[in-house]
């Protein structure tokens, strides 16, 4: 898989995960999620996604 495709999928996954984490946080605590916490959730999601995408071979 080319670098630009891996990067695009990883960034989209980070954004979606951060958004969903924000929605869950608001639903549970009735307040906004701190920005750094949302970034940590997105970053921790990006690591396994990037590693998974490096192993995928498209023929």
PDB file of N, CA and C in Angstrom:
ATOM      1  N   UNK A   1       0.852  -1.167   0.000  1.00  0.00           N
ATOM      2  CA  UNK A   1       0.000   0.000   0.000  1.00  0.00           C
ATOM      3  C   UNK A   1       0.900   1.232   0.000  1.00  0.00           C
ATOM      4  N   UNK A   2       0.632   2.176  -0.898  1.00  0.00           N
ATOM      5  CA  UNK A   2       1.458   3.391  -0.958  1.00  0.00           C
ATOM      6  C   UNK A   2       1.366   4.229   0.321  1.00  0.00           C
ATOM      7  N   UNK A   3       2.410   5.002   0.542  1.00  0.00           N
ATOM      8  CA  UNK A   3       2.492   5.828   1.743  1.00  0.00           C
ATOM      9  C   UNK A   3       1.315   6.783   1.867  1.00  0.00           C
ATOM     10  N   UNK A   4       0.925   7.423   0.764  1.00  0.00           N
ATOM     11  CA  UNK A   4      -0.149   8.426   0.849  1.00  0.00           C
ATOM     12  C   UNK A   4      -1.481   7.780   1.235  1.00  0.00           C
ATOM     13  N   UNK A   5      -1.732   6.544   0.831  1.00  0.00           N
ATOM     14  CA  UNK A   5      -2.967   5.872   1.211  1.00  0.00           C
ATOM     15  C   UNK A   5      -2.948   5.494   2.689  1.00  0.00           C
ATOM     16  N   UNK A   6      -1.818   4.996   3.155  1.00  0.00           N
ATOM     17  CA  UNK A   6      -1.696   4.679   4.583  1.00  0.00           C
ATOM     18  C   UNK A   6      -1.878   5.925   5.430  1.00  0.00           C
ATOM     19  N   UNK A   7      -1.257   7.014   5.006  1.00  0.00           N
ATOM     20  CA  UNK A   7      -1.358   8.263   5.749  1.00  0.00           C
ATOM     21  C   UNK A   7      -2.791   8.776   5.780  1.00  0.00           C
ATOM     22  N   UNK A   8      -3.473   8.737   4.654  1.00  0.00           N
ATOM     23  CA  UNK A   8      -4.856   9.199   4.575  1.00  0.00           C
ATOM     24  C   UNK A   8      -5.771   8.360   5.464  1.00  0.00           C
ATOM     25  N   UNK A   9      -5.645   7.049   5.393  1.00  0.00           N
ATOM     26  CA  UNK A   9      -6.485   6.170   6.216  1.00  0.00           C
ATOM     27  C   UNK A   9      -6.188   6.379   7.694  1.00  0.00           C
ATOM     28  N   UNK A  10      -4.929   6.555   8.044  1.00  0.00           N
ATOM     29  CA  UNK A  10      -4.559   6.766   9.444  1.00  0.00           C
ATOM     30  C   UNK A  10      -5.116   8.078   9.976  1.00  0.00           C
ATOM     31  N   UNK A  11      -5.015   9.140   9.205  1.00  0.00           N
ATOM     32  CA  UNK A  11      -5.530  10.453   9.646  1.00  0.00           C
ATOM     33  C   UNK A  11      -7.053  10.412   9.790  1.00  0.00           C
ATOM     34  N   UNK A  12      -7.733   9.796   8.840  1.00  0.00           N
ATOM     35  CA  UNK A  12      -9.191   9.691   8.930  1.00  0.00           C
ATOM     36  C   UNK A  12      -9.594   8.875  10.152  1.00  0.00           C
ATOM     37  N   UNK A  13      -8.885   7.799  10.406  1.00  0.00           N
ATOM     38  CA  UNK A  13      -9.170   6.971  11.582  1.00  0.00           C
ATOM     39  C   UNK A  13      -8.957   7.757  12.872  1.00  0.00           C
ATOM     40  N   UNK A  14      -7.886   8.550  12.919  1.00  0.00           N
ATOM     41  CA  UNK A  14      -7.622   9.379  14.101  1.00  0.00           C
ATOM     42  C   UNK A  14      -8.756  10.375  14.340  1.00  0.00           C
ATOM     43  N   UNK A  15      -9.193  11.030  13.277  1.00  0.00           N
ATOM     44  CA  UNK A  15     -10.244  12.034  13.416  1.00  0.00           C
ATOM     45  C   UNK A  15     -11.571  11.413  13.839  1.00  0.00           C
ATOM     46  N   UNK A  16     -11.919  10.299  13.237  1.00  0.00           N
ATOM     47  CA  UNK A  16     -13.181   9.635  13.585  1.00  0.00           C
ATOM     48  C   UNK A  16     -13.141   9.149  15.033  1.00  0.00           C
ATOM     49  N   UNK A  17     -12.030   8.572  15.442  1.00  0.00           N
ATOM     50  CA  UNK A  17     -11.906   8.083  16.811  1.00  0.00           C
ATOM     51  C   UNK A  17     -11.981   9.223  17.817  1.00  0.00           C
ATOM     52  N   UNK A  18     -11.322  10.324  17.525  1.00  0.00           N
ATOM     53  CA  UNK A  18     -11.379  11.480  18.424  1.00  0.00           C
ATOM     54  C   UNK A  18     -12.795  12.040  18.509  1.00  0.00           C
ATOM     55  N   UNK A  19     -13.493  12.066  17.383  1.00  0.00           N
ATOM     56  CA  UNK A  19     -14.869  12.558  17.366  1.00  0.00           C
ATOM     57  C   UNK A  19     -15.782  11.660  18.189  1.00  0.00           C
ATOM     58  N   UNK A  20     -15.659  10.355  17.998  1.00  0.00           N
ATOM     59  CA  UNK A  20     -16.487   9.409  18.753  1.00  0.00           C
ATOM     60  C   UNK A  20     -16.155   9.477  20.250  1.00  0.00           C
ATOM     61  N   UNK A  21     -14.884   9.610  20.577  1.00  0.00           N
ATOM     62  CA  UNK A  21     -14.500   9.746  21.988  1.00  0.00           C
ATOM     63  C   UNK A  21     -15.112  11.011  22.584  1.00  0.00           C
ATOM     64  N   UNK A  22     -15.146  12.086  21.814  1.00  0.00           N
ATOM     65  CA  UNK A  22     -15.777  13.319  22.285  1.00  0.00           C
ATOM     66  C   UNK A  22     -17.268  13.158  22.518  1.00  0.00           C
ATOM     67  N   UNK A  23     -17.925  12.441  21.619  1.00  0.00           N
ATOM     68  CA  UNK A  23     -19.360  12.197  21.799  1.00  0.00           C
ATOM     69  C   UNK A  23     -19.639  11.342  23.031  1.00  0.00           C
ATOM     70  N   UNK A  24     -18.842  10.296  23.212  1.00  0.00           N
ATOM     71  CA  UNK A  24     -19.022   9.448  24.389  1.00  0.00           C
ATOM     72  C   UNK A  24     -18.753  10.217  25.680  1.00  0.00           C
ATOM     73  N   UNK A  25     -17.705  11.022  25.662  1.00  0.00           N
ATOM     74  CA  UNK A  25     -17.365  11.827  26.840  1.00  0.00           C
ATOM     75  C   UNK A  25     -18.522  12.770  27.179  1.00  0.00           C
ATOM     76  N   UNK A  26     -19.083  13.429  26.159  1.00  0.00           N
ATOM     77  CA  UNK A  26     -20.189  14.362  26.393  1.00  0.00           C
ATOM     78  C   UNK A  26     -21.412  13.613  26.908  1.00  0.00           C
ATOM     79  N   UNK A  27     -21.662  12.422  26.383  1.00  0.00           N
ATOM     80  CA  UNK A  27     -22.824  11.638  26.801  1.00  0.00           C
ATOM     81  C   UNK A  27     -22.669  11.184  28.250  1.00  0.00           C
ATOM     82  N   UNK A  28     -21.456  10.788  28.650  1.00  0.00           N
ATOM     83  CA  UNK A  28     -21.232  10.279  30.001  1.00  0.00           C
ATOM     84  C   UNK A  28     -21.113  11.410  31.016  1.00  0.00           C
ATOM     85  N   UNK A  29     -20.321  12.450  30.695  1.00  0.00           N
ATOM     86  CA  UNK A  29     -20.003  13.487  31.677  1.00  0.00           C
ATOM     87  C   UNK A  29     -20.720  14.813  31.462  1.00  0.00           C
ATOM     88  N   UNK A  30     -21.461  14.964  30.375  1.00  0.00           N
ATOM     89  CA  UNK A  30     -22.206  16.191  30.058  1.00  0.00           C
ATOM     90  C   UNK A  30     -21.305  17.428  29.995  1.00  0.00           C
ATOM     91  N   UNK A  31     -20.097  17.270  29.481  1.00  0.00           N
ATOM     92  CA  UNK A  31     -19.175  18.377  29.275  1.00  0.00           C
ATOM     93  C   UNK A  31     -18.245  18.018  28.120  1.00  0.00           C
ATOM     94  N   UNK A  32     -17.504  19.002  27.626  1.00  0.00           N
ATOM     95  CA  UNK A  32     -16.582  18.747  26.516  1.00  0.00           C
ATOM     96  C   UNK A  32     -15.358  17.978  26.993  1.00  0.00           C
ATOM     97  N   UNK A  33     -14.825  17.161  26.094  1.00  0.00           N
ATOM     98  CA  UNK A  33     -13.614  16.414  26.396  1.00  0.00           C
ATOM     99  C   UNK A  33     -12.418  17.371  26.294  1.00  0.00           C
ATOM    100  N   UNK A  34     -11.460  17.279  27.205  1.00  0.00           N
ATOM    101  CA  UNK A  34     -10.260  18.116  27.072  1.00  0.00           C
ATOM    102  C   UNK A  34      -9.516  17.782  25.774  1.00  0.00           C
ATOM    103  N   UNK A  35      -8.964  18.793  25.149  1.00  0.00           N
ATOM    104  CA  UNK A  35      -8.301  18.617  23.866  1.00  0.00           C
ATOM    105  C   UNK A  35      -7.148  17.640  23.899  1.00  0.00           C
ATOM    106  N   UNK A  36      -6.359  17.694  24.954  1.00  0.00           N
ATOM    107  CA  UNK A  36      -5.205  16.790  25.039  1.00  0.00           C
ATOM    108  C   UNK A  36      -5.666  15.337  25.147  1.00  0.00           C
ATOM    109  N   UNK A  37      -6.766  15.090  25.836  1.00  0.00           N
ATOM    110  CA  UNK A  37      -7.266  13.729  25.980  1.00  0.00           C
ATOM    111  C   UNK A  37      -7.785  13.187  24.646  1.00  0.00           C
ATOM    112  N   UNK A  38      -8.429  14.030  23.896  1.00  0.00           N
ATOM    113  CA  UNK A  38      -8.887  13.638  22.571  1.00  0.00           C
ATOM    114  C   UNK A  38      -7.701  13.331  21.667  1.00  0.00           C
ATOM    115  N   UNK A  39      -6.641  14.103  21.778  1.00  0.00           N
ATOM    116  CA  UNK A  39      -5.432  13.856  20.998  1.00  0.00           C
ATOM    117  C   UNK A  39      -4.750  12.562  21.380  1.00  0.00           C
ATOM    118  N   UNK A  40      -4.753  12.253  22.660  1.00  0.00           N
ATOM    119  CA  UNK A  40      -4.154  10.998  23.129  1.00  0.00           C
ATOM    120  C   UNK A  40      -4.941   9.812  22.576  1.00  0.00           C
ATOM    121  N   UNK A  41      -6.255   9.901  22.613  1.00  0.00           N
ATOM    122  CA  UNK A  41      -7.091   8.812  22.091  1.00  0.00           C
ATOM    123  C   UNK A  41      -6.834   8.626  20.600  1.00  0.00           C
ATOM    124  N   UNK A  42      -6.792   9.719  19.840  1.00  0.00           N
ATOM    125  CA  UNK A  42      -6.524   9.624  18.410  1.00  0.00           C
ATOM    126  C   UNK A  42      -5.139   9.088  18.116  1.00  0.00           C
ATOM    127  N   UNK A  43      -4.150   9.536  18.862  1.00  0.00           N
ATOM    128  CA  UNK A  43      -2.781   9.079  18.652  1.00  0.00           C
ATOM    129  C   UNK A  43      -2.592   7.614  18.985  1.00  0.00           C
ATOM    130  N   UNK A  44      -3.218   7.167  20.061  1.00  0.00           N
ATOM    131  CA  UNK A  44      -3.111   5.756  20.423  1.00  0.00           C
ATOM    132  C   UNK A  44      -3.850   4.864  19.431  1.00  0.00           C
ATOM    133  N   UNK A  45      -4.845   5.404  18.779  1.00  0.00           N
ATOM    134  CA  UNK A  45      -5.535   4.653  17.727  1.00  0.00           C
ATOM    135  C   UNK A  45      -4.687   4.589  16.468  1.00  0.00           C
ATOM    136  N   UNK A  46      -3.949   5.641  16.185  1.00  0.00           N
ATOM    137  CA  UNK A  46      -3.159   5.711  14.951  1.00  0.00           C
ATOM    138  C   UNK A  46      -2.032   4.689  14.927  1.00  0.00           C
ATOM    139  N   UNK A  47      -1.441   4.399  16.063  1.00  0.00           N
ATOM    140  CA  UNK A  47      -0.305   3.470  16.091  1.00  0.00           C
ATOM    141  C   UNK A  47      -0.650   2.073  15.579  1.00  0.00           C
ATOM    142  N   UNK A  48      -1.674   1.406  16.127  1.00  0.00           N
ATOM    143  CA  UNK A  48      -1.980   0.074  15.600  1.00  0.00           C
ATOM    144  C   UNK A  48      -2.526   0.097  14.174  1.00  0.00           C
ATOM    145  N   UNK A  49      -3.246   1.165  13.813  1.00  0.00           N
ATOM    146  CA  UNK A  49      -3.768   1.265  12.450  1.00  0.00           C
ATOM    147  C   UNK A  49      -2.615   1.376  11.465  1.00  0.00           C
ATOM    148  N   UNK A  50      -1.628   2.199  11.761  1.00  0.00           N
ATOM    149  CA  UNK A  50      -0.463   2.363  10.881  1.00  0.00           C
ATOM    150  C   UNK A  50       0.283   1.036  10.720  1.00  0.00           C
ATOM    151  N   UNK A  51       0.497   0.331  11.825  1.00  0.00           N
ATOM    152  CA  UNK A  51       1.193  -0.952  11.759  1.00  0.00           C
ATOM    153  C   UNK A  51       0.395  -1.981  10.971  1.00  0.00           C
ATOM    154  N   UNK A  52      -0.909  -1.988  11.138  1.00  0.00           N
ATOM    155  CA  UNK A  52      -1.757  -2.907  10.380  1.00  0.00           C
ATOM    156  C   UNK A  52      -1.695  -2.601   8.887  1.00  0.00           C
ATOM    157  N   UNK A  53      -1.733  -1.333   8.539  1.00  0.00           N
ATOM    158  CA  UNK A  53      -1.708  -0.950   7.127  1.00  0.00           C
ATOM    159  C   UNK A  53      -0.355  -1.237   6.477  1.00  0.00           C
ATOM    160  N   UNK A  54       0.723  -1.221   7.245  1.00  0.00           N
ATOM    161  CA  UNK A  54       2.037  -1.556   6.687  1.00  0.00           C
ATOM    162  C   UNK A  54       2.104  -3.029   6.279  1.00  0.00           C
ATOM    163  N   UNK A  55       1.337  -3.875   6.970  1.00  0.00           N
ATOM    164  CA  UNK A  55       1.378  -5.312   6.685  1.00  0.00           C
ATOM    165  C   UNK A  55       0.470  -5.716   5.538  1.00  0.00           C
ATOM    166  N   UNK A  56      -0.482  -4.861   5.174  1.00  0.00           N
ATOM    167  CA  UNK A  56      -1.443  -5.203   4.111  1.00  0.00           C
ATOM    168  C   UNK A  56      -0.785  -5.013   2.759  1.00  0.00           C
ATOM    169  N   UNK A  57      -0.894  -6.039   1.931  1.00  0.00           N
ATOM    170  CA  UNK A  57      -0.384  -5.963   0.564  1.00  0.00           C
ATOM    171  C   UNK A  57      -1.556  -6.051  -0.405  1.00  0.00           C
ATOM    172  N   UNK A  58      -1.708  -5.041  -1.242  1.00  0.00           N
ATOM    173  CA  UNK A  58      -2.767  -5.037  -2.253  1.00  0.00           C
ATOM    174  C   UNK A  58      -2.150  -5.473  -3.579  1.00  0.00           C
ATOM    175  N   UNK A  59      -2.758  -6.456  -4.183  1.00  0.00           N
ATOM    176  CA  UNK A  59      -2.226  -6.981  -5.443  1.00  0.00           C
ATOM    177  C   UNK A  59      -3.051  -6.534  -6.606  1.00  0.00           C
TER     178      UNK A  59
END
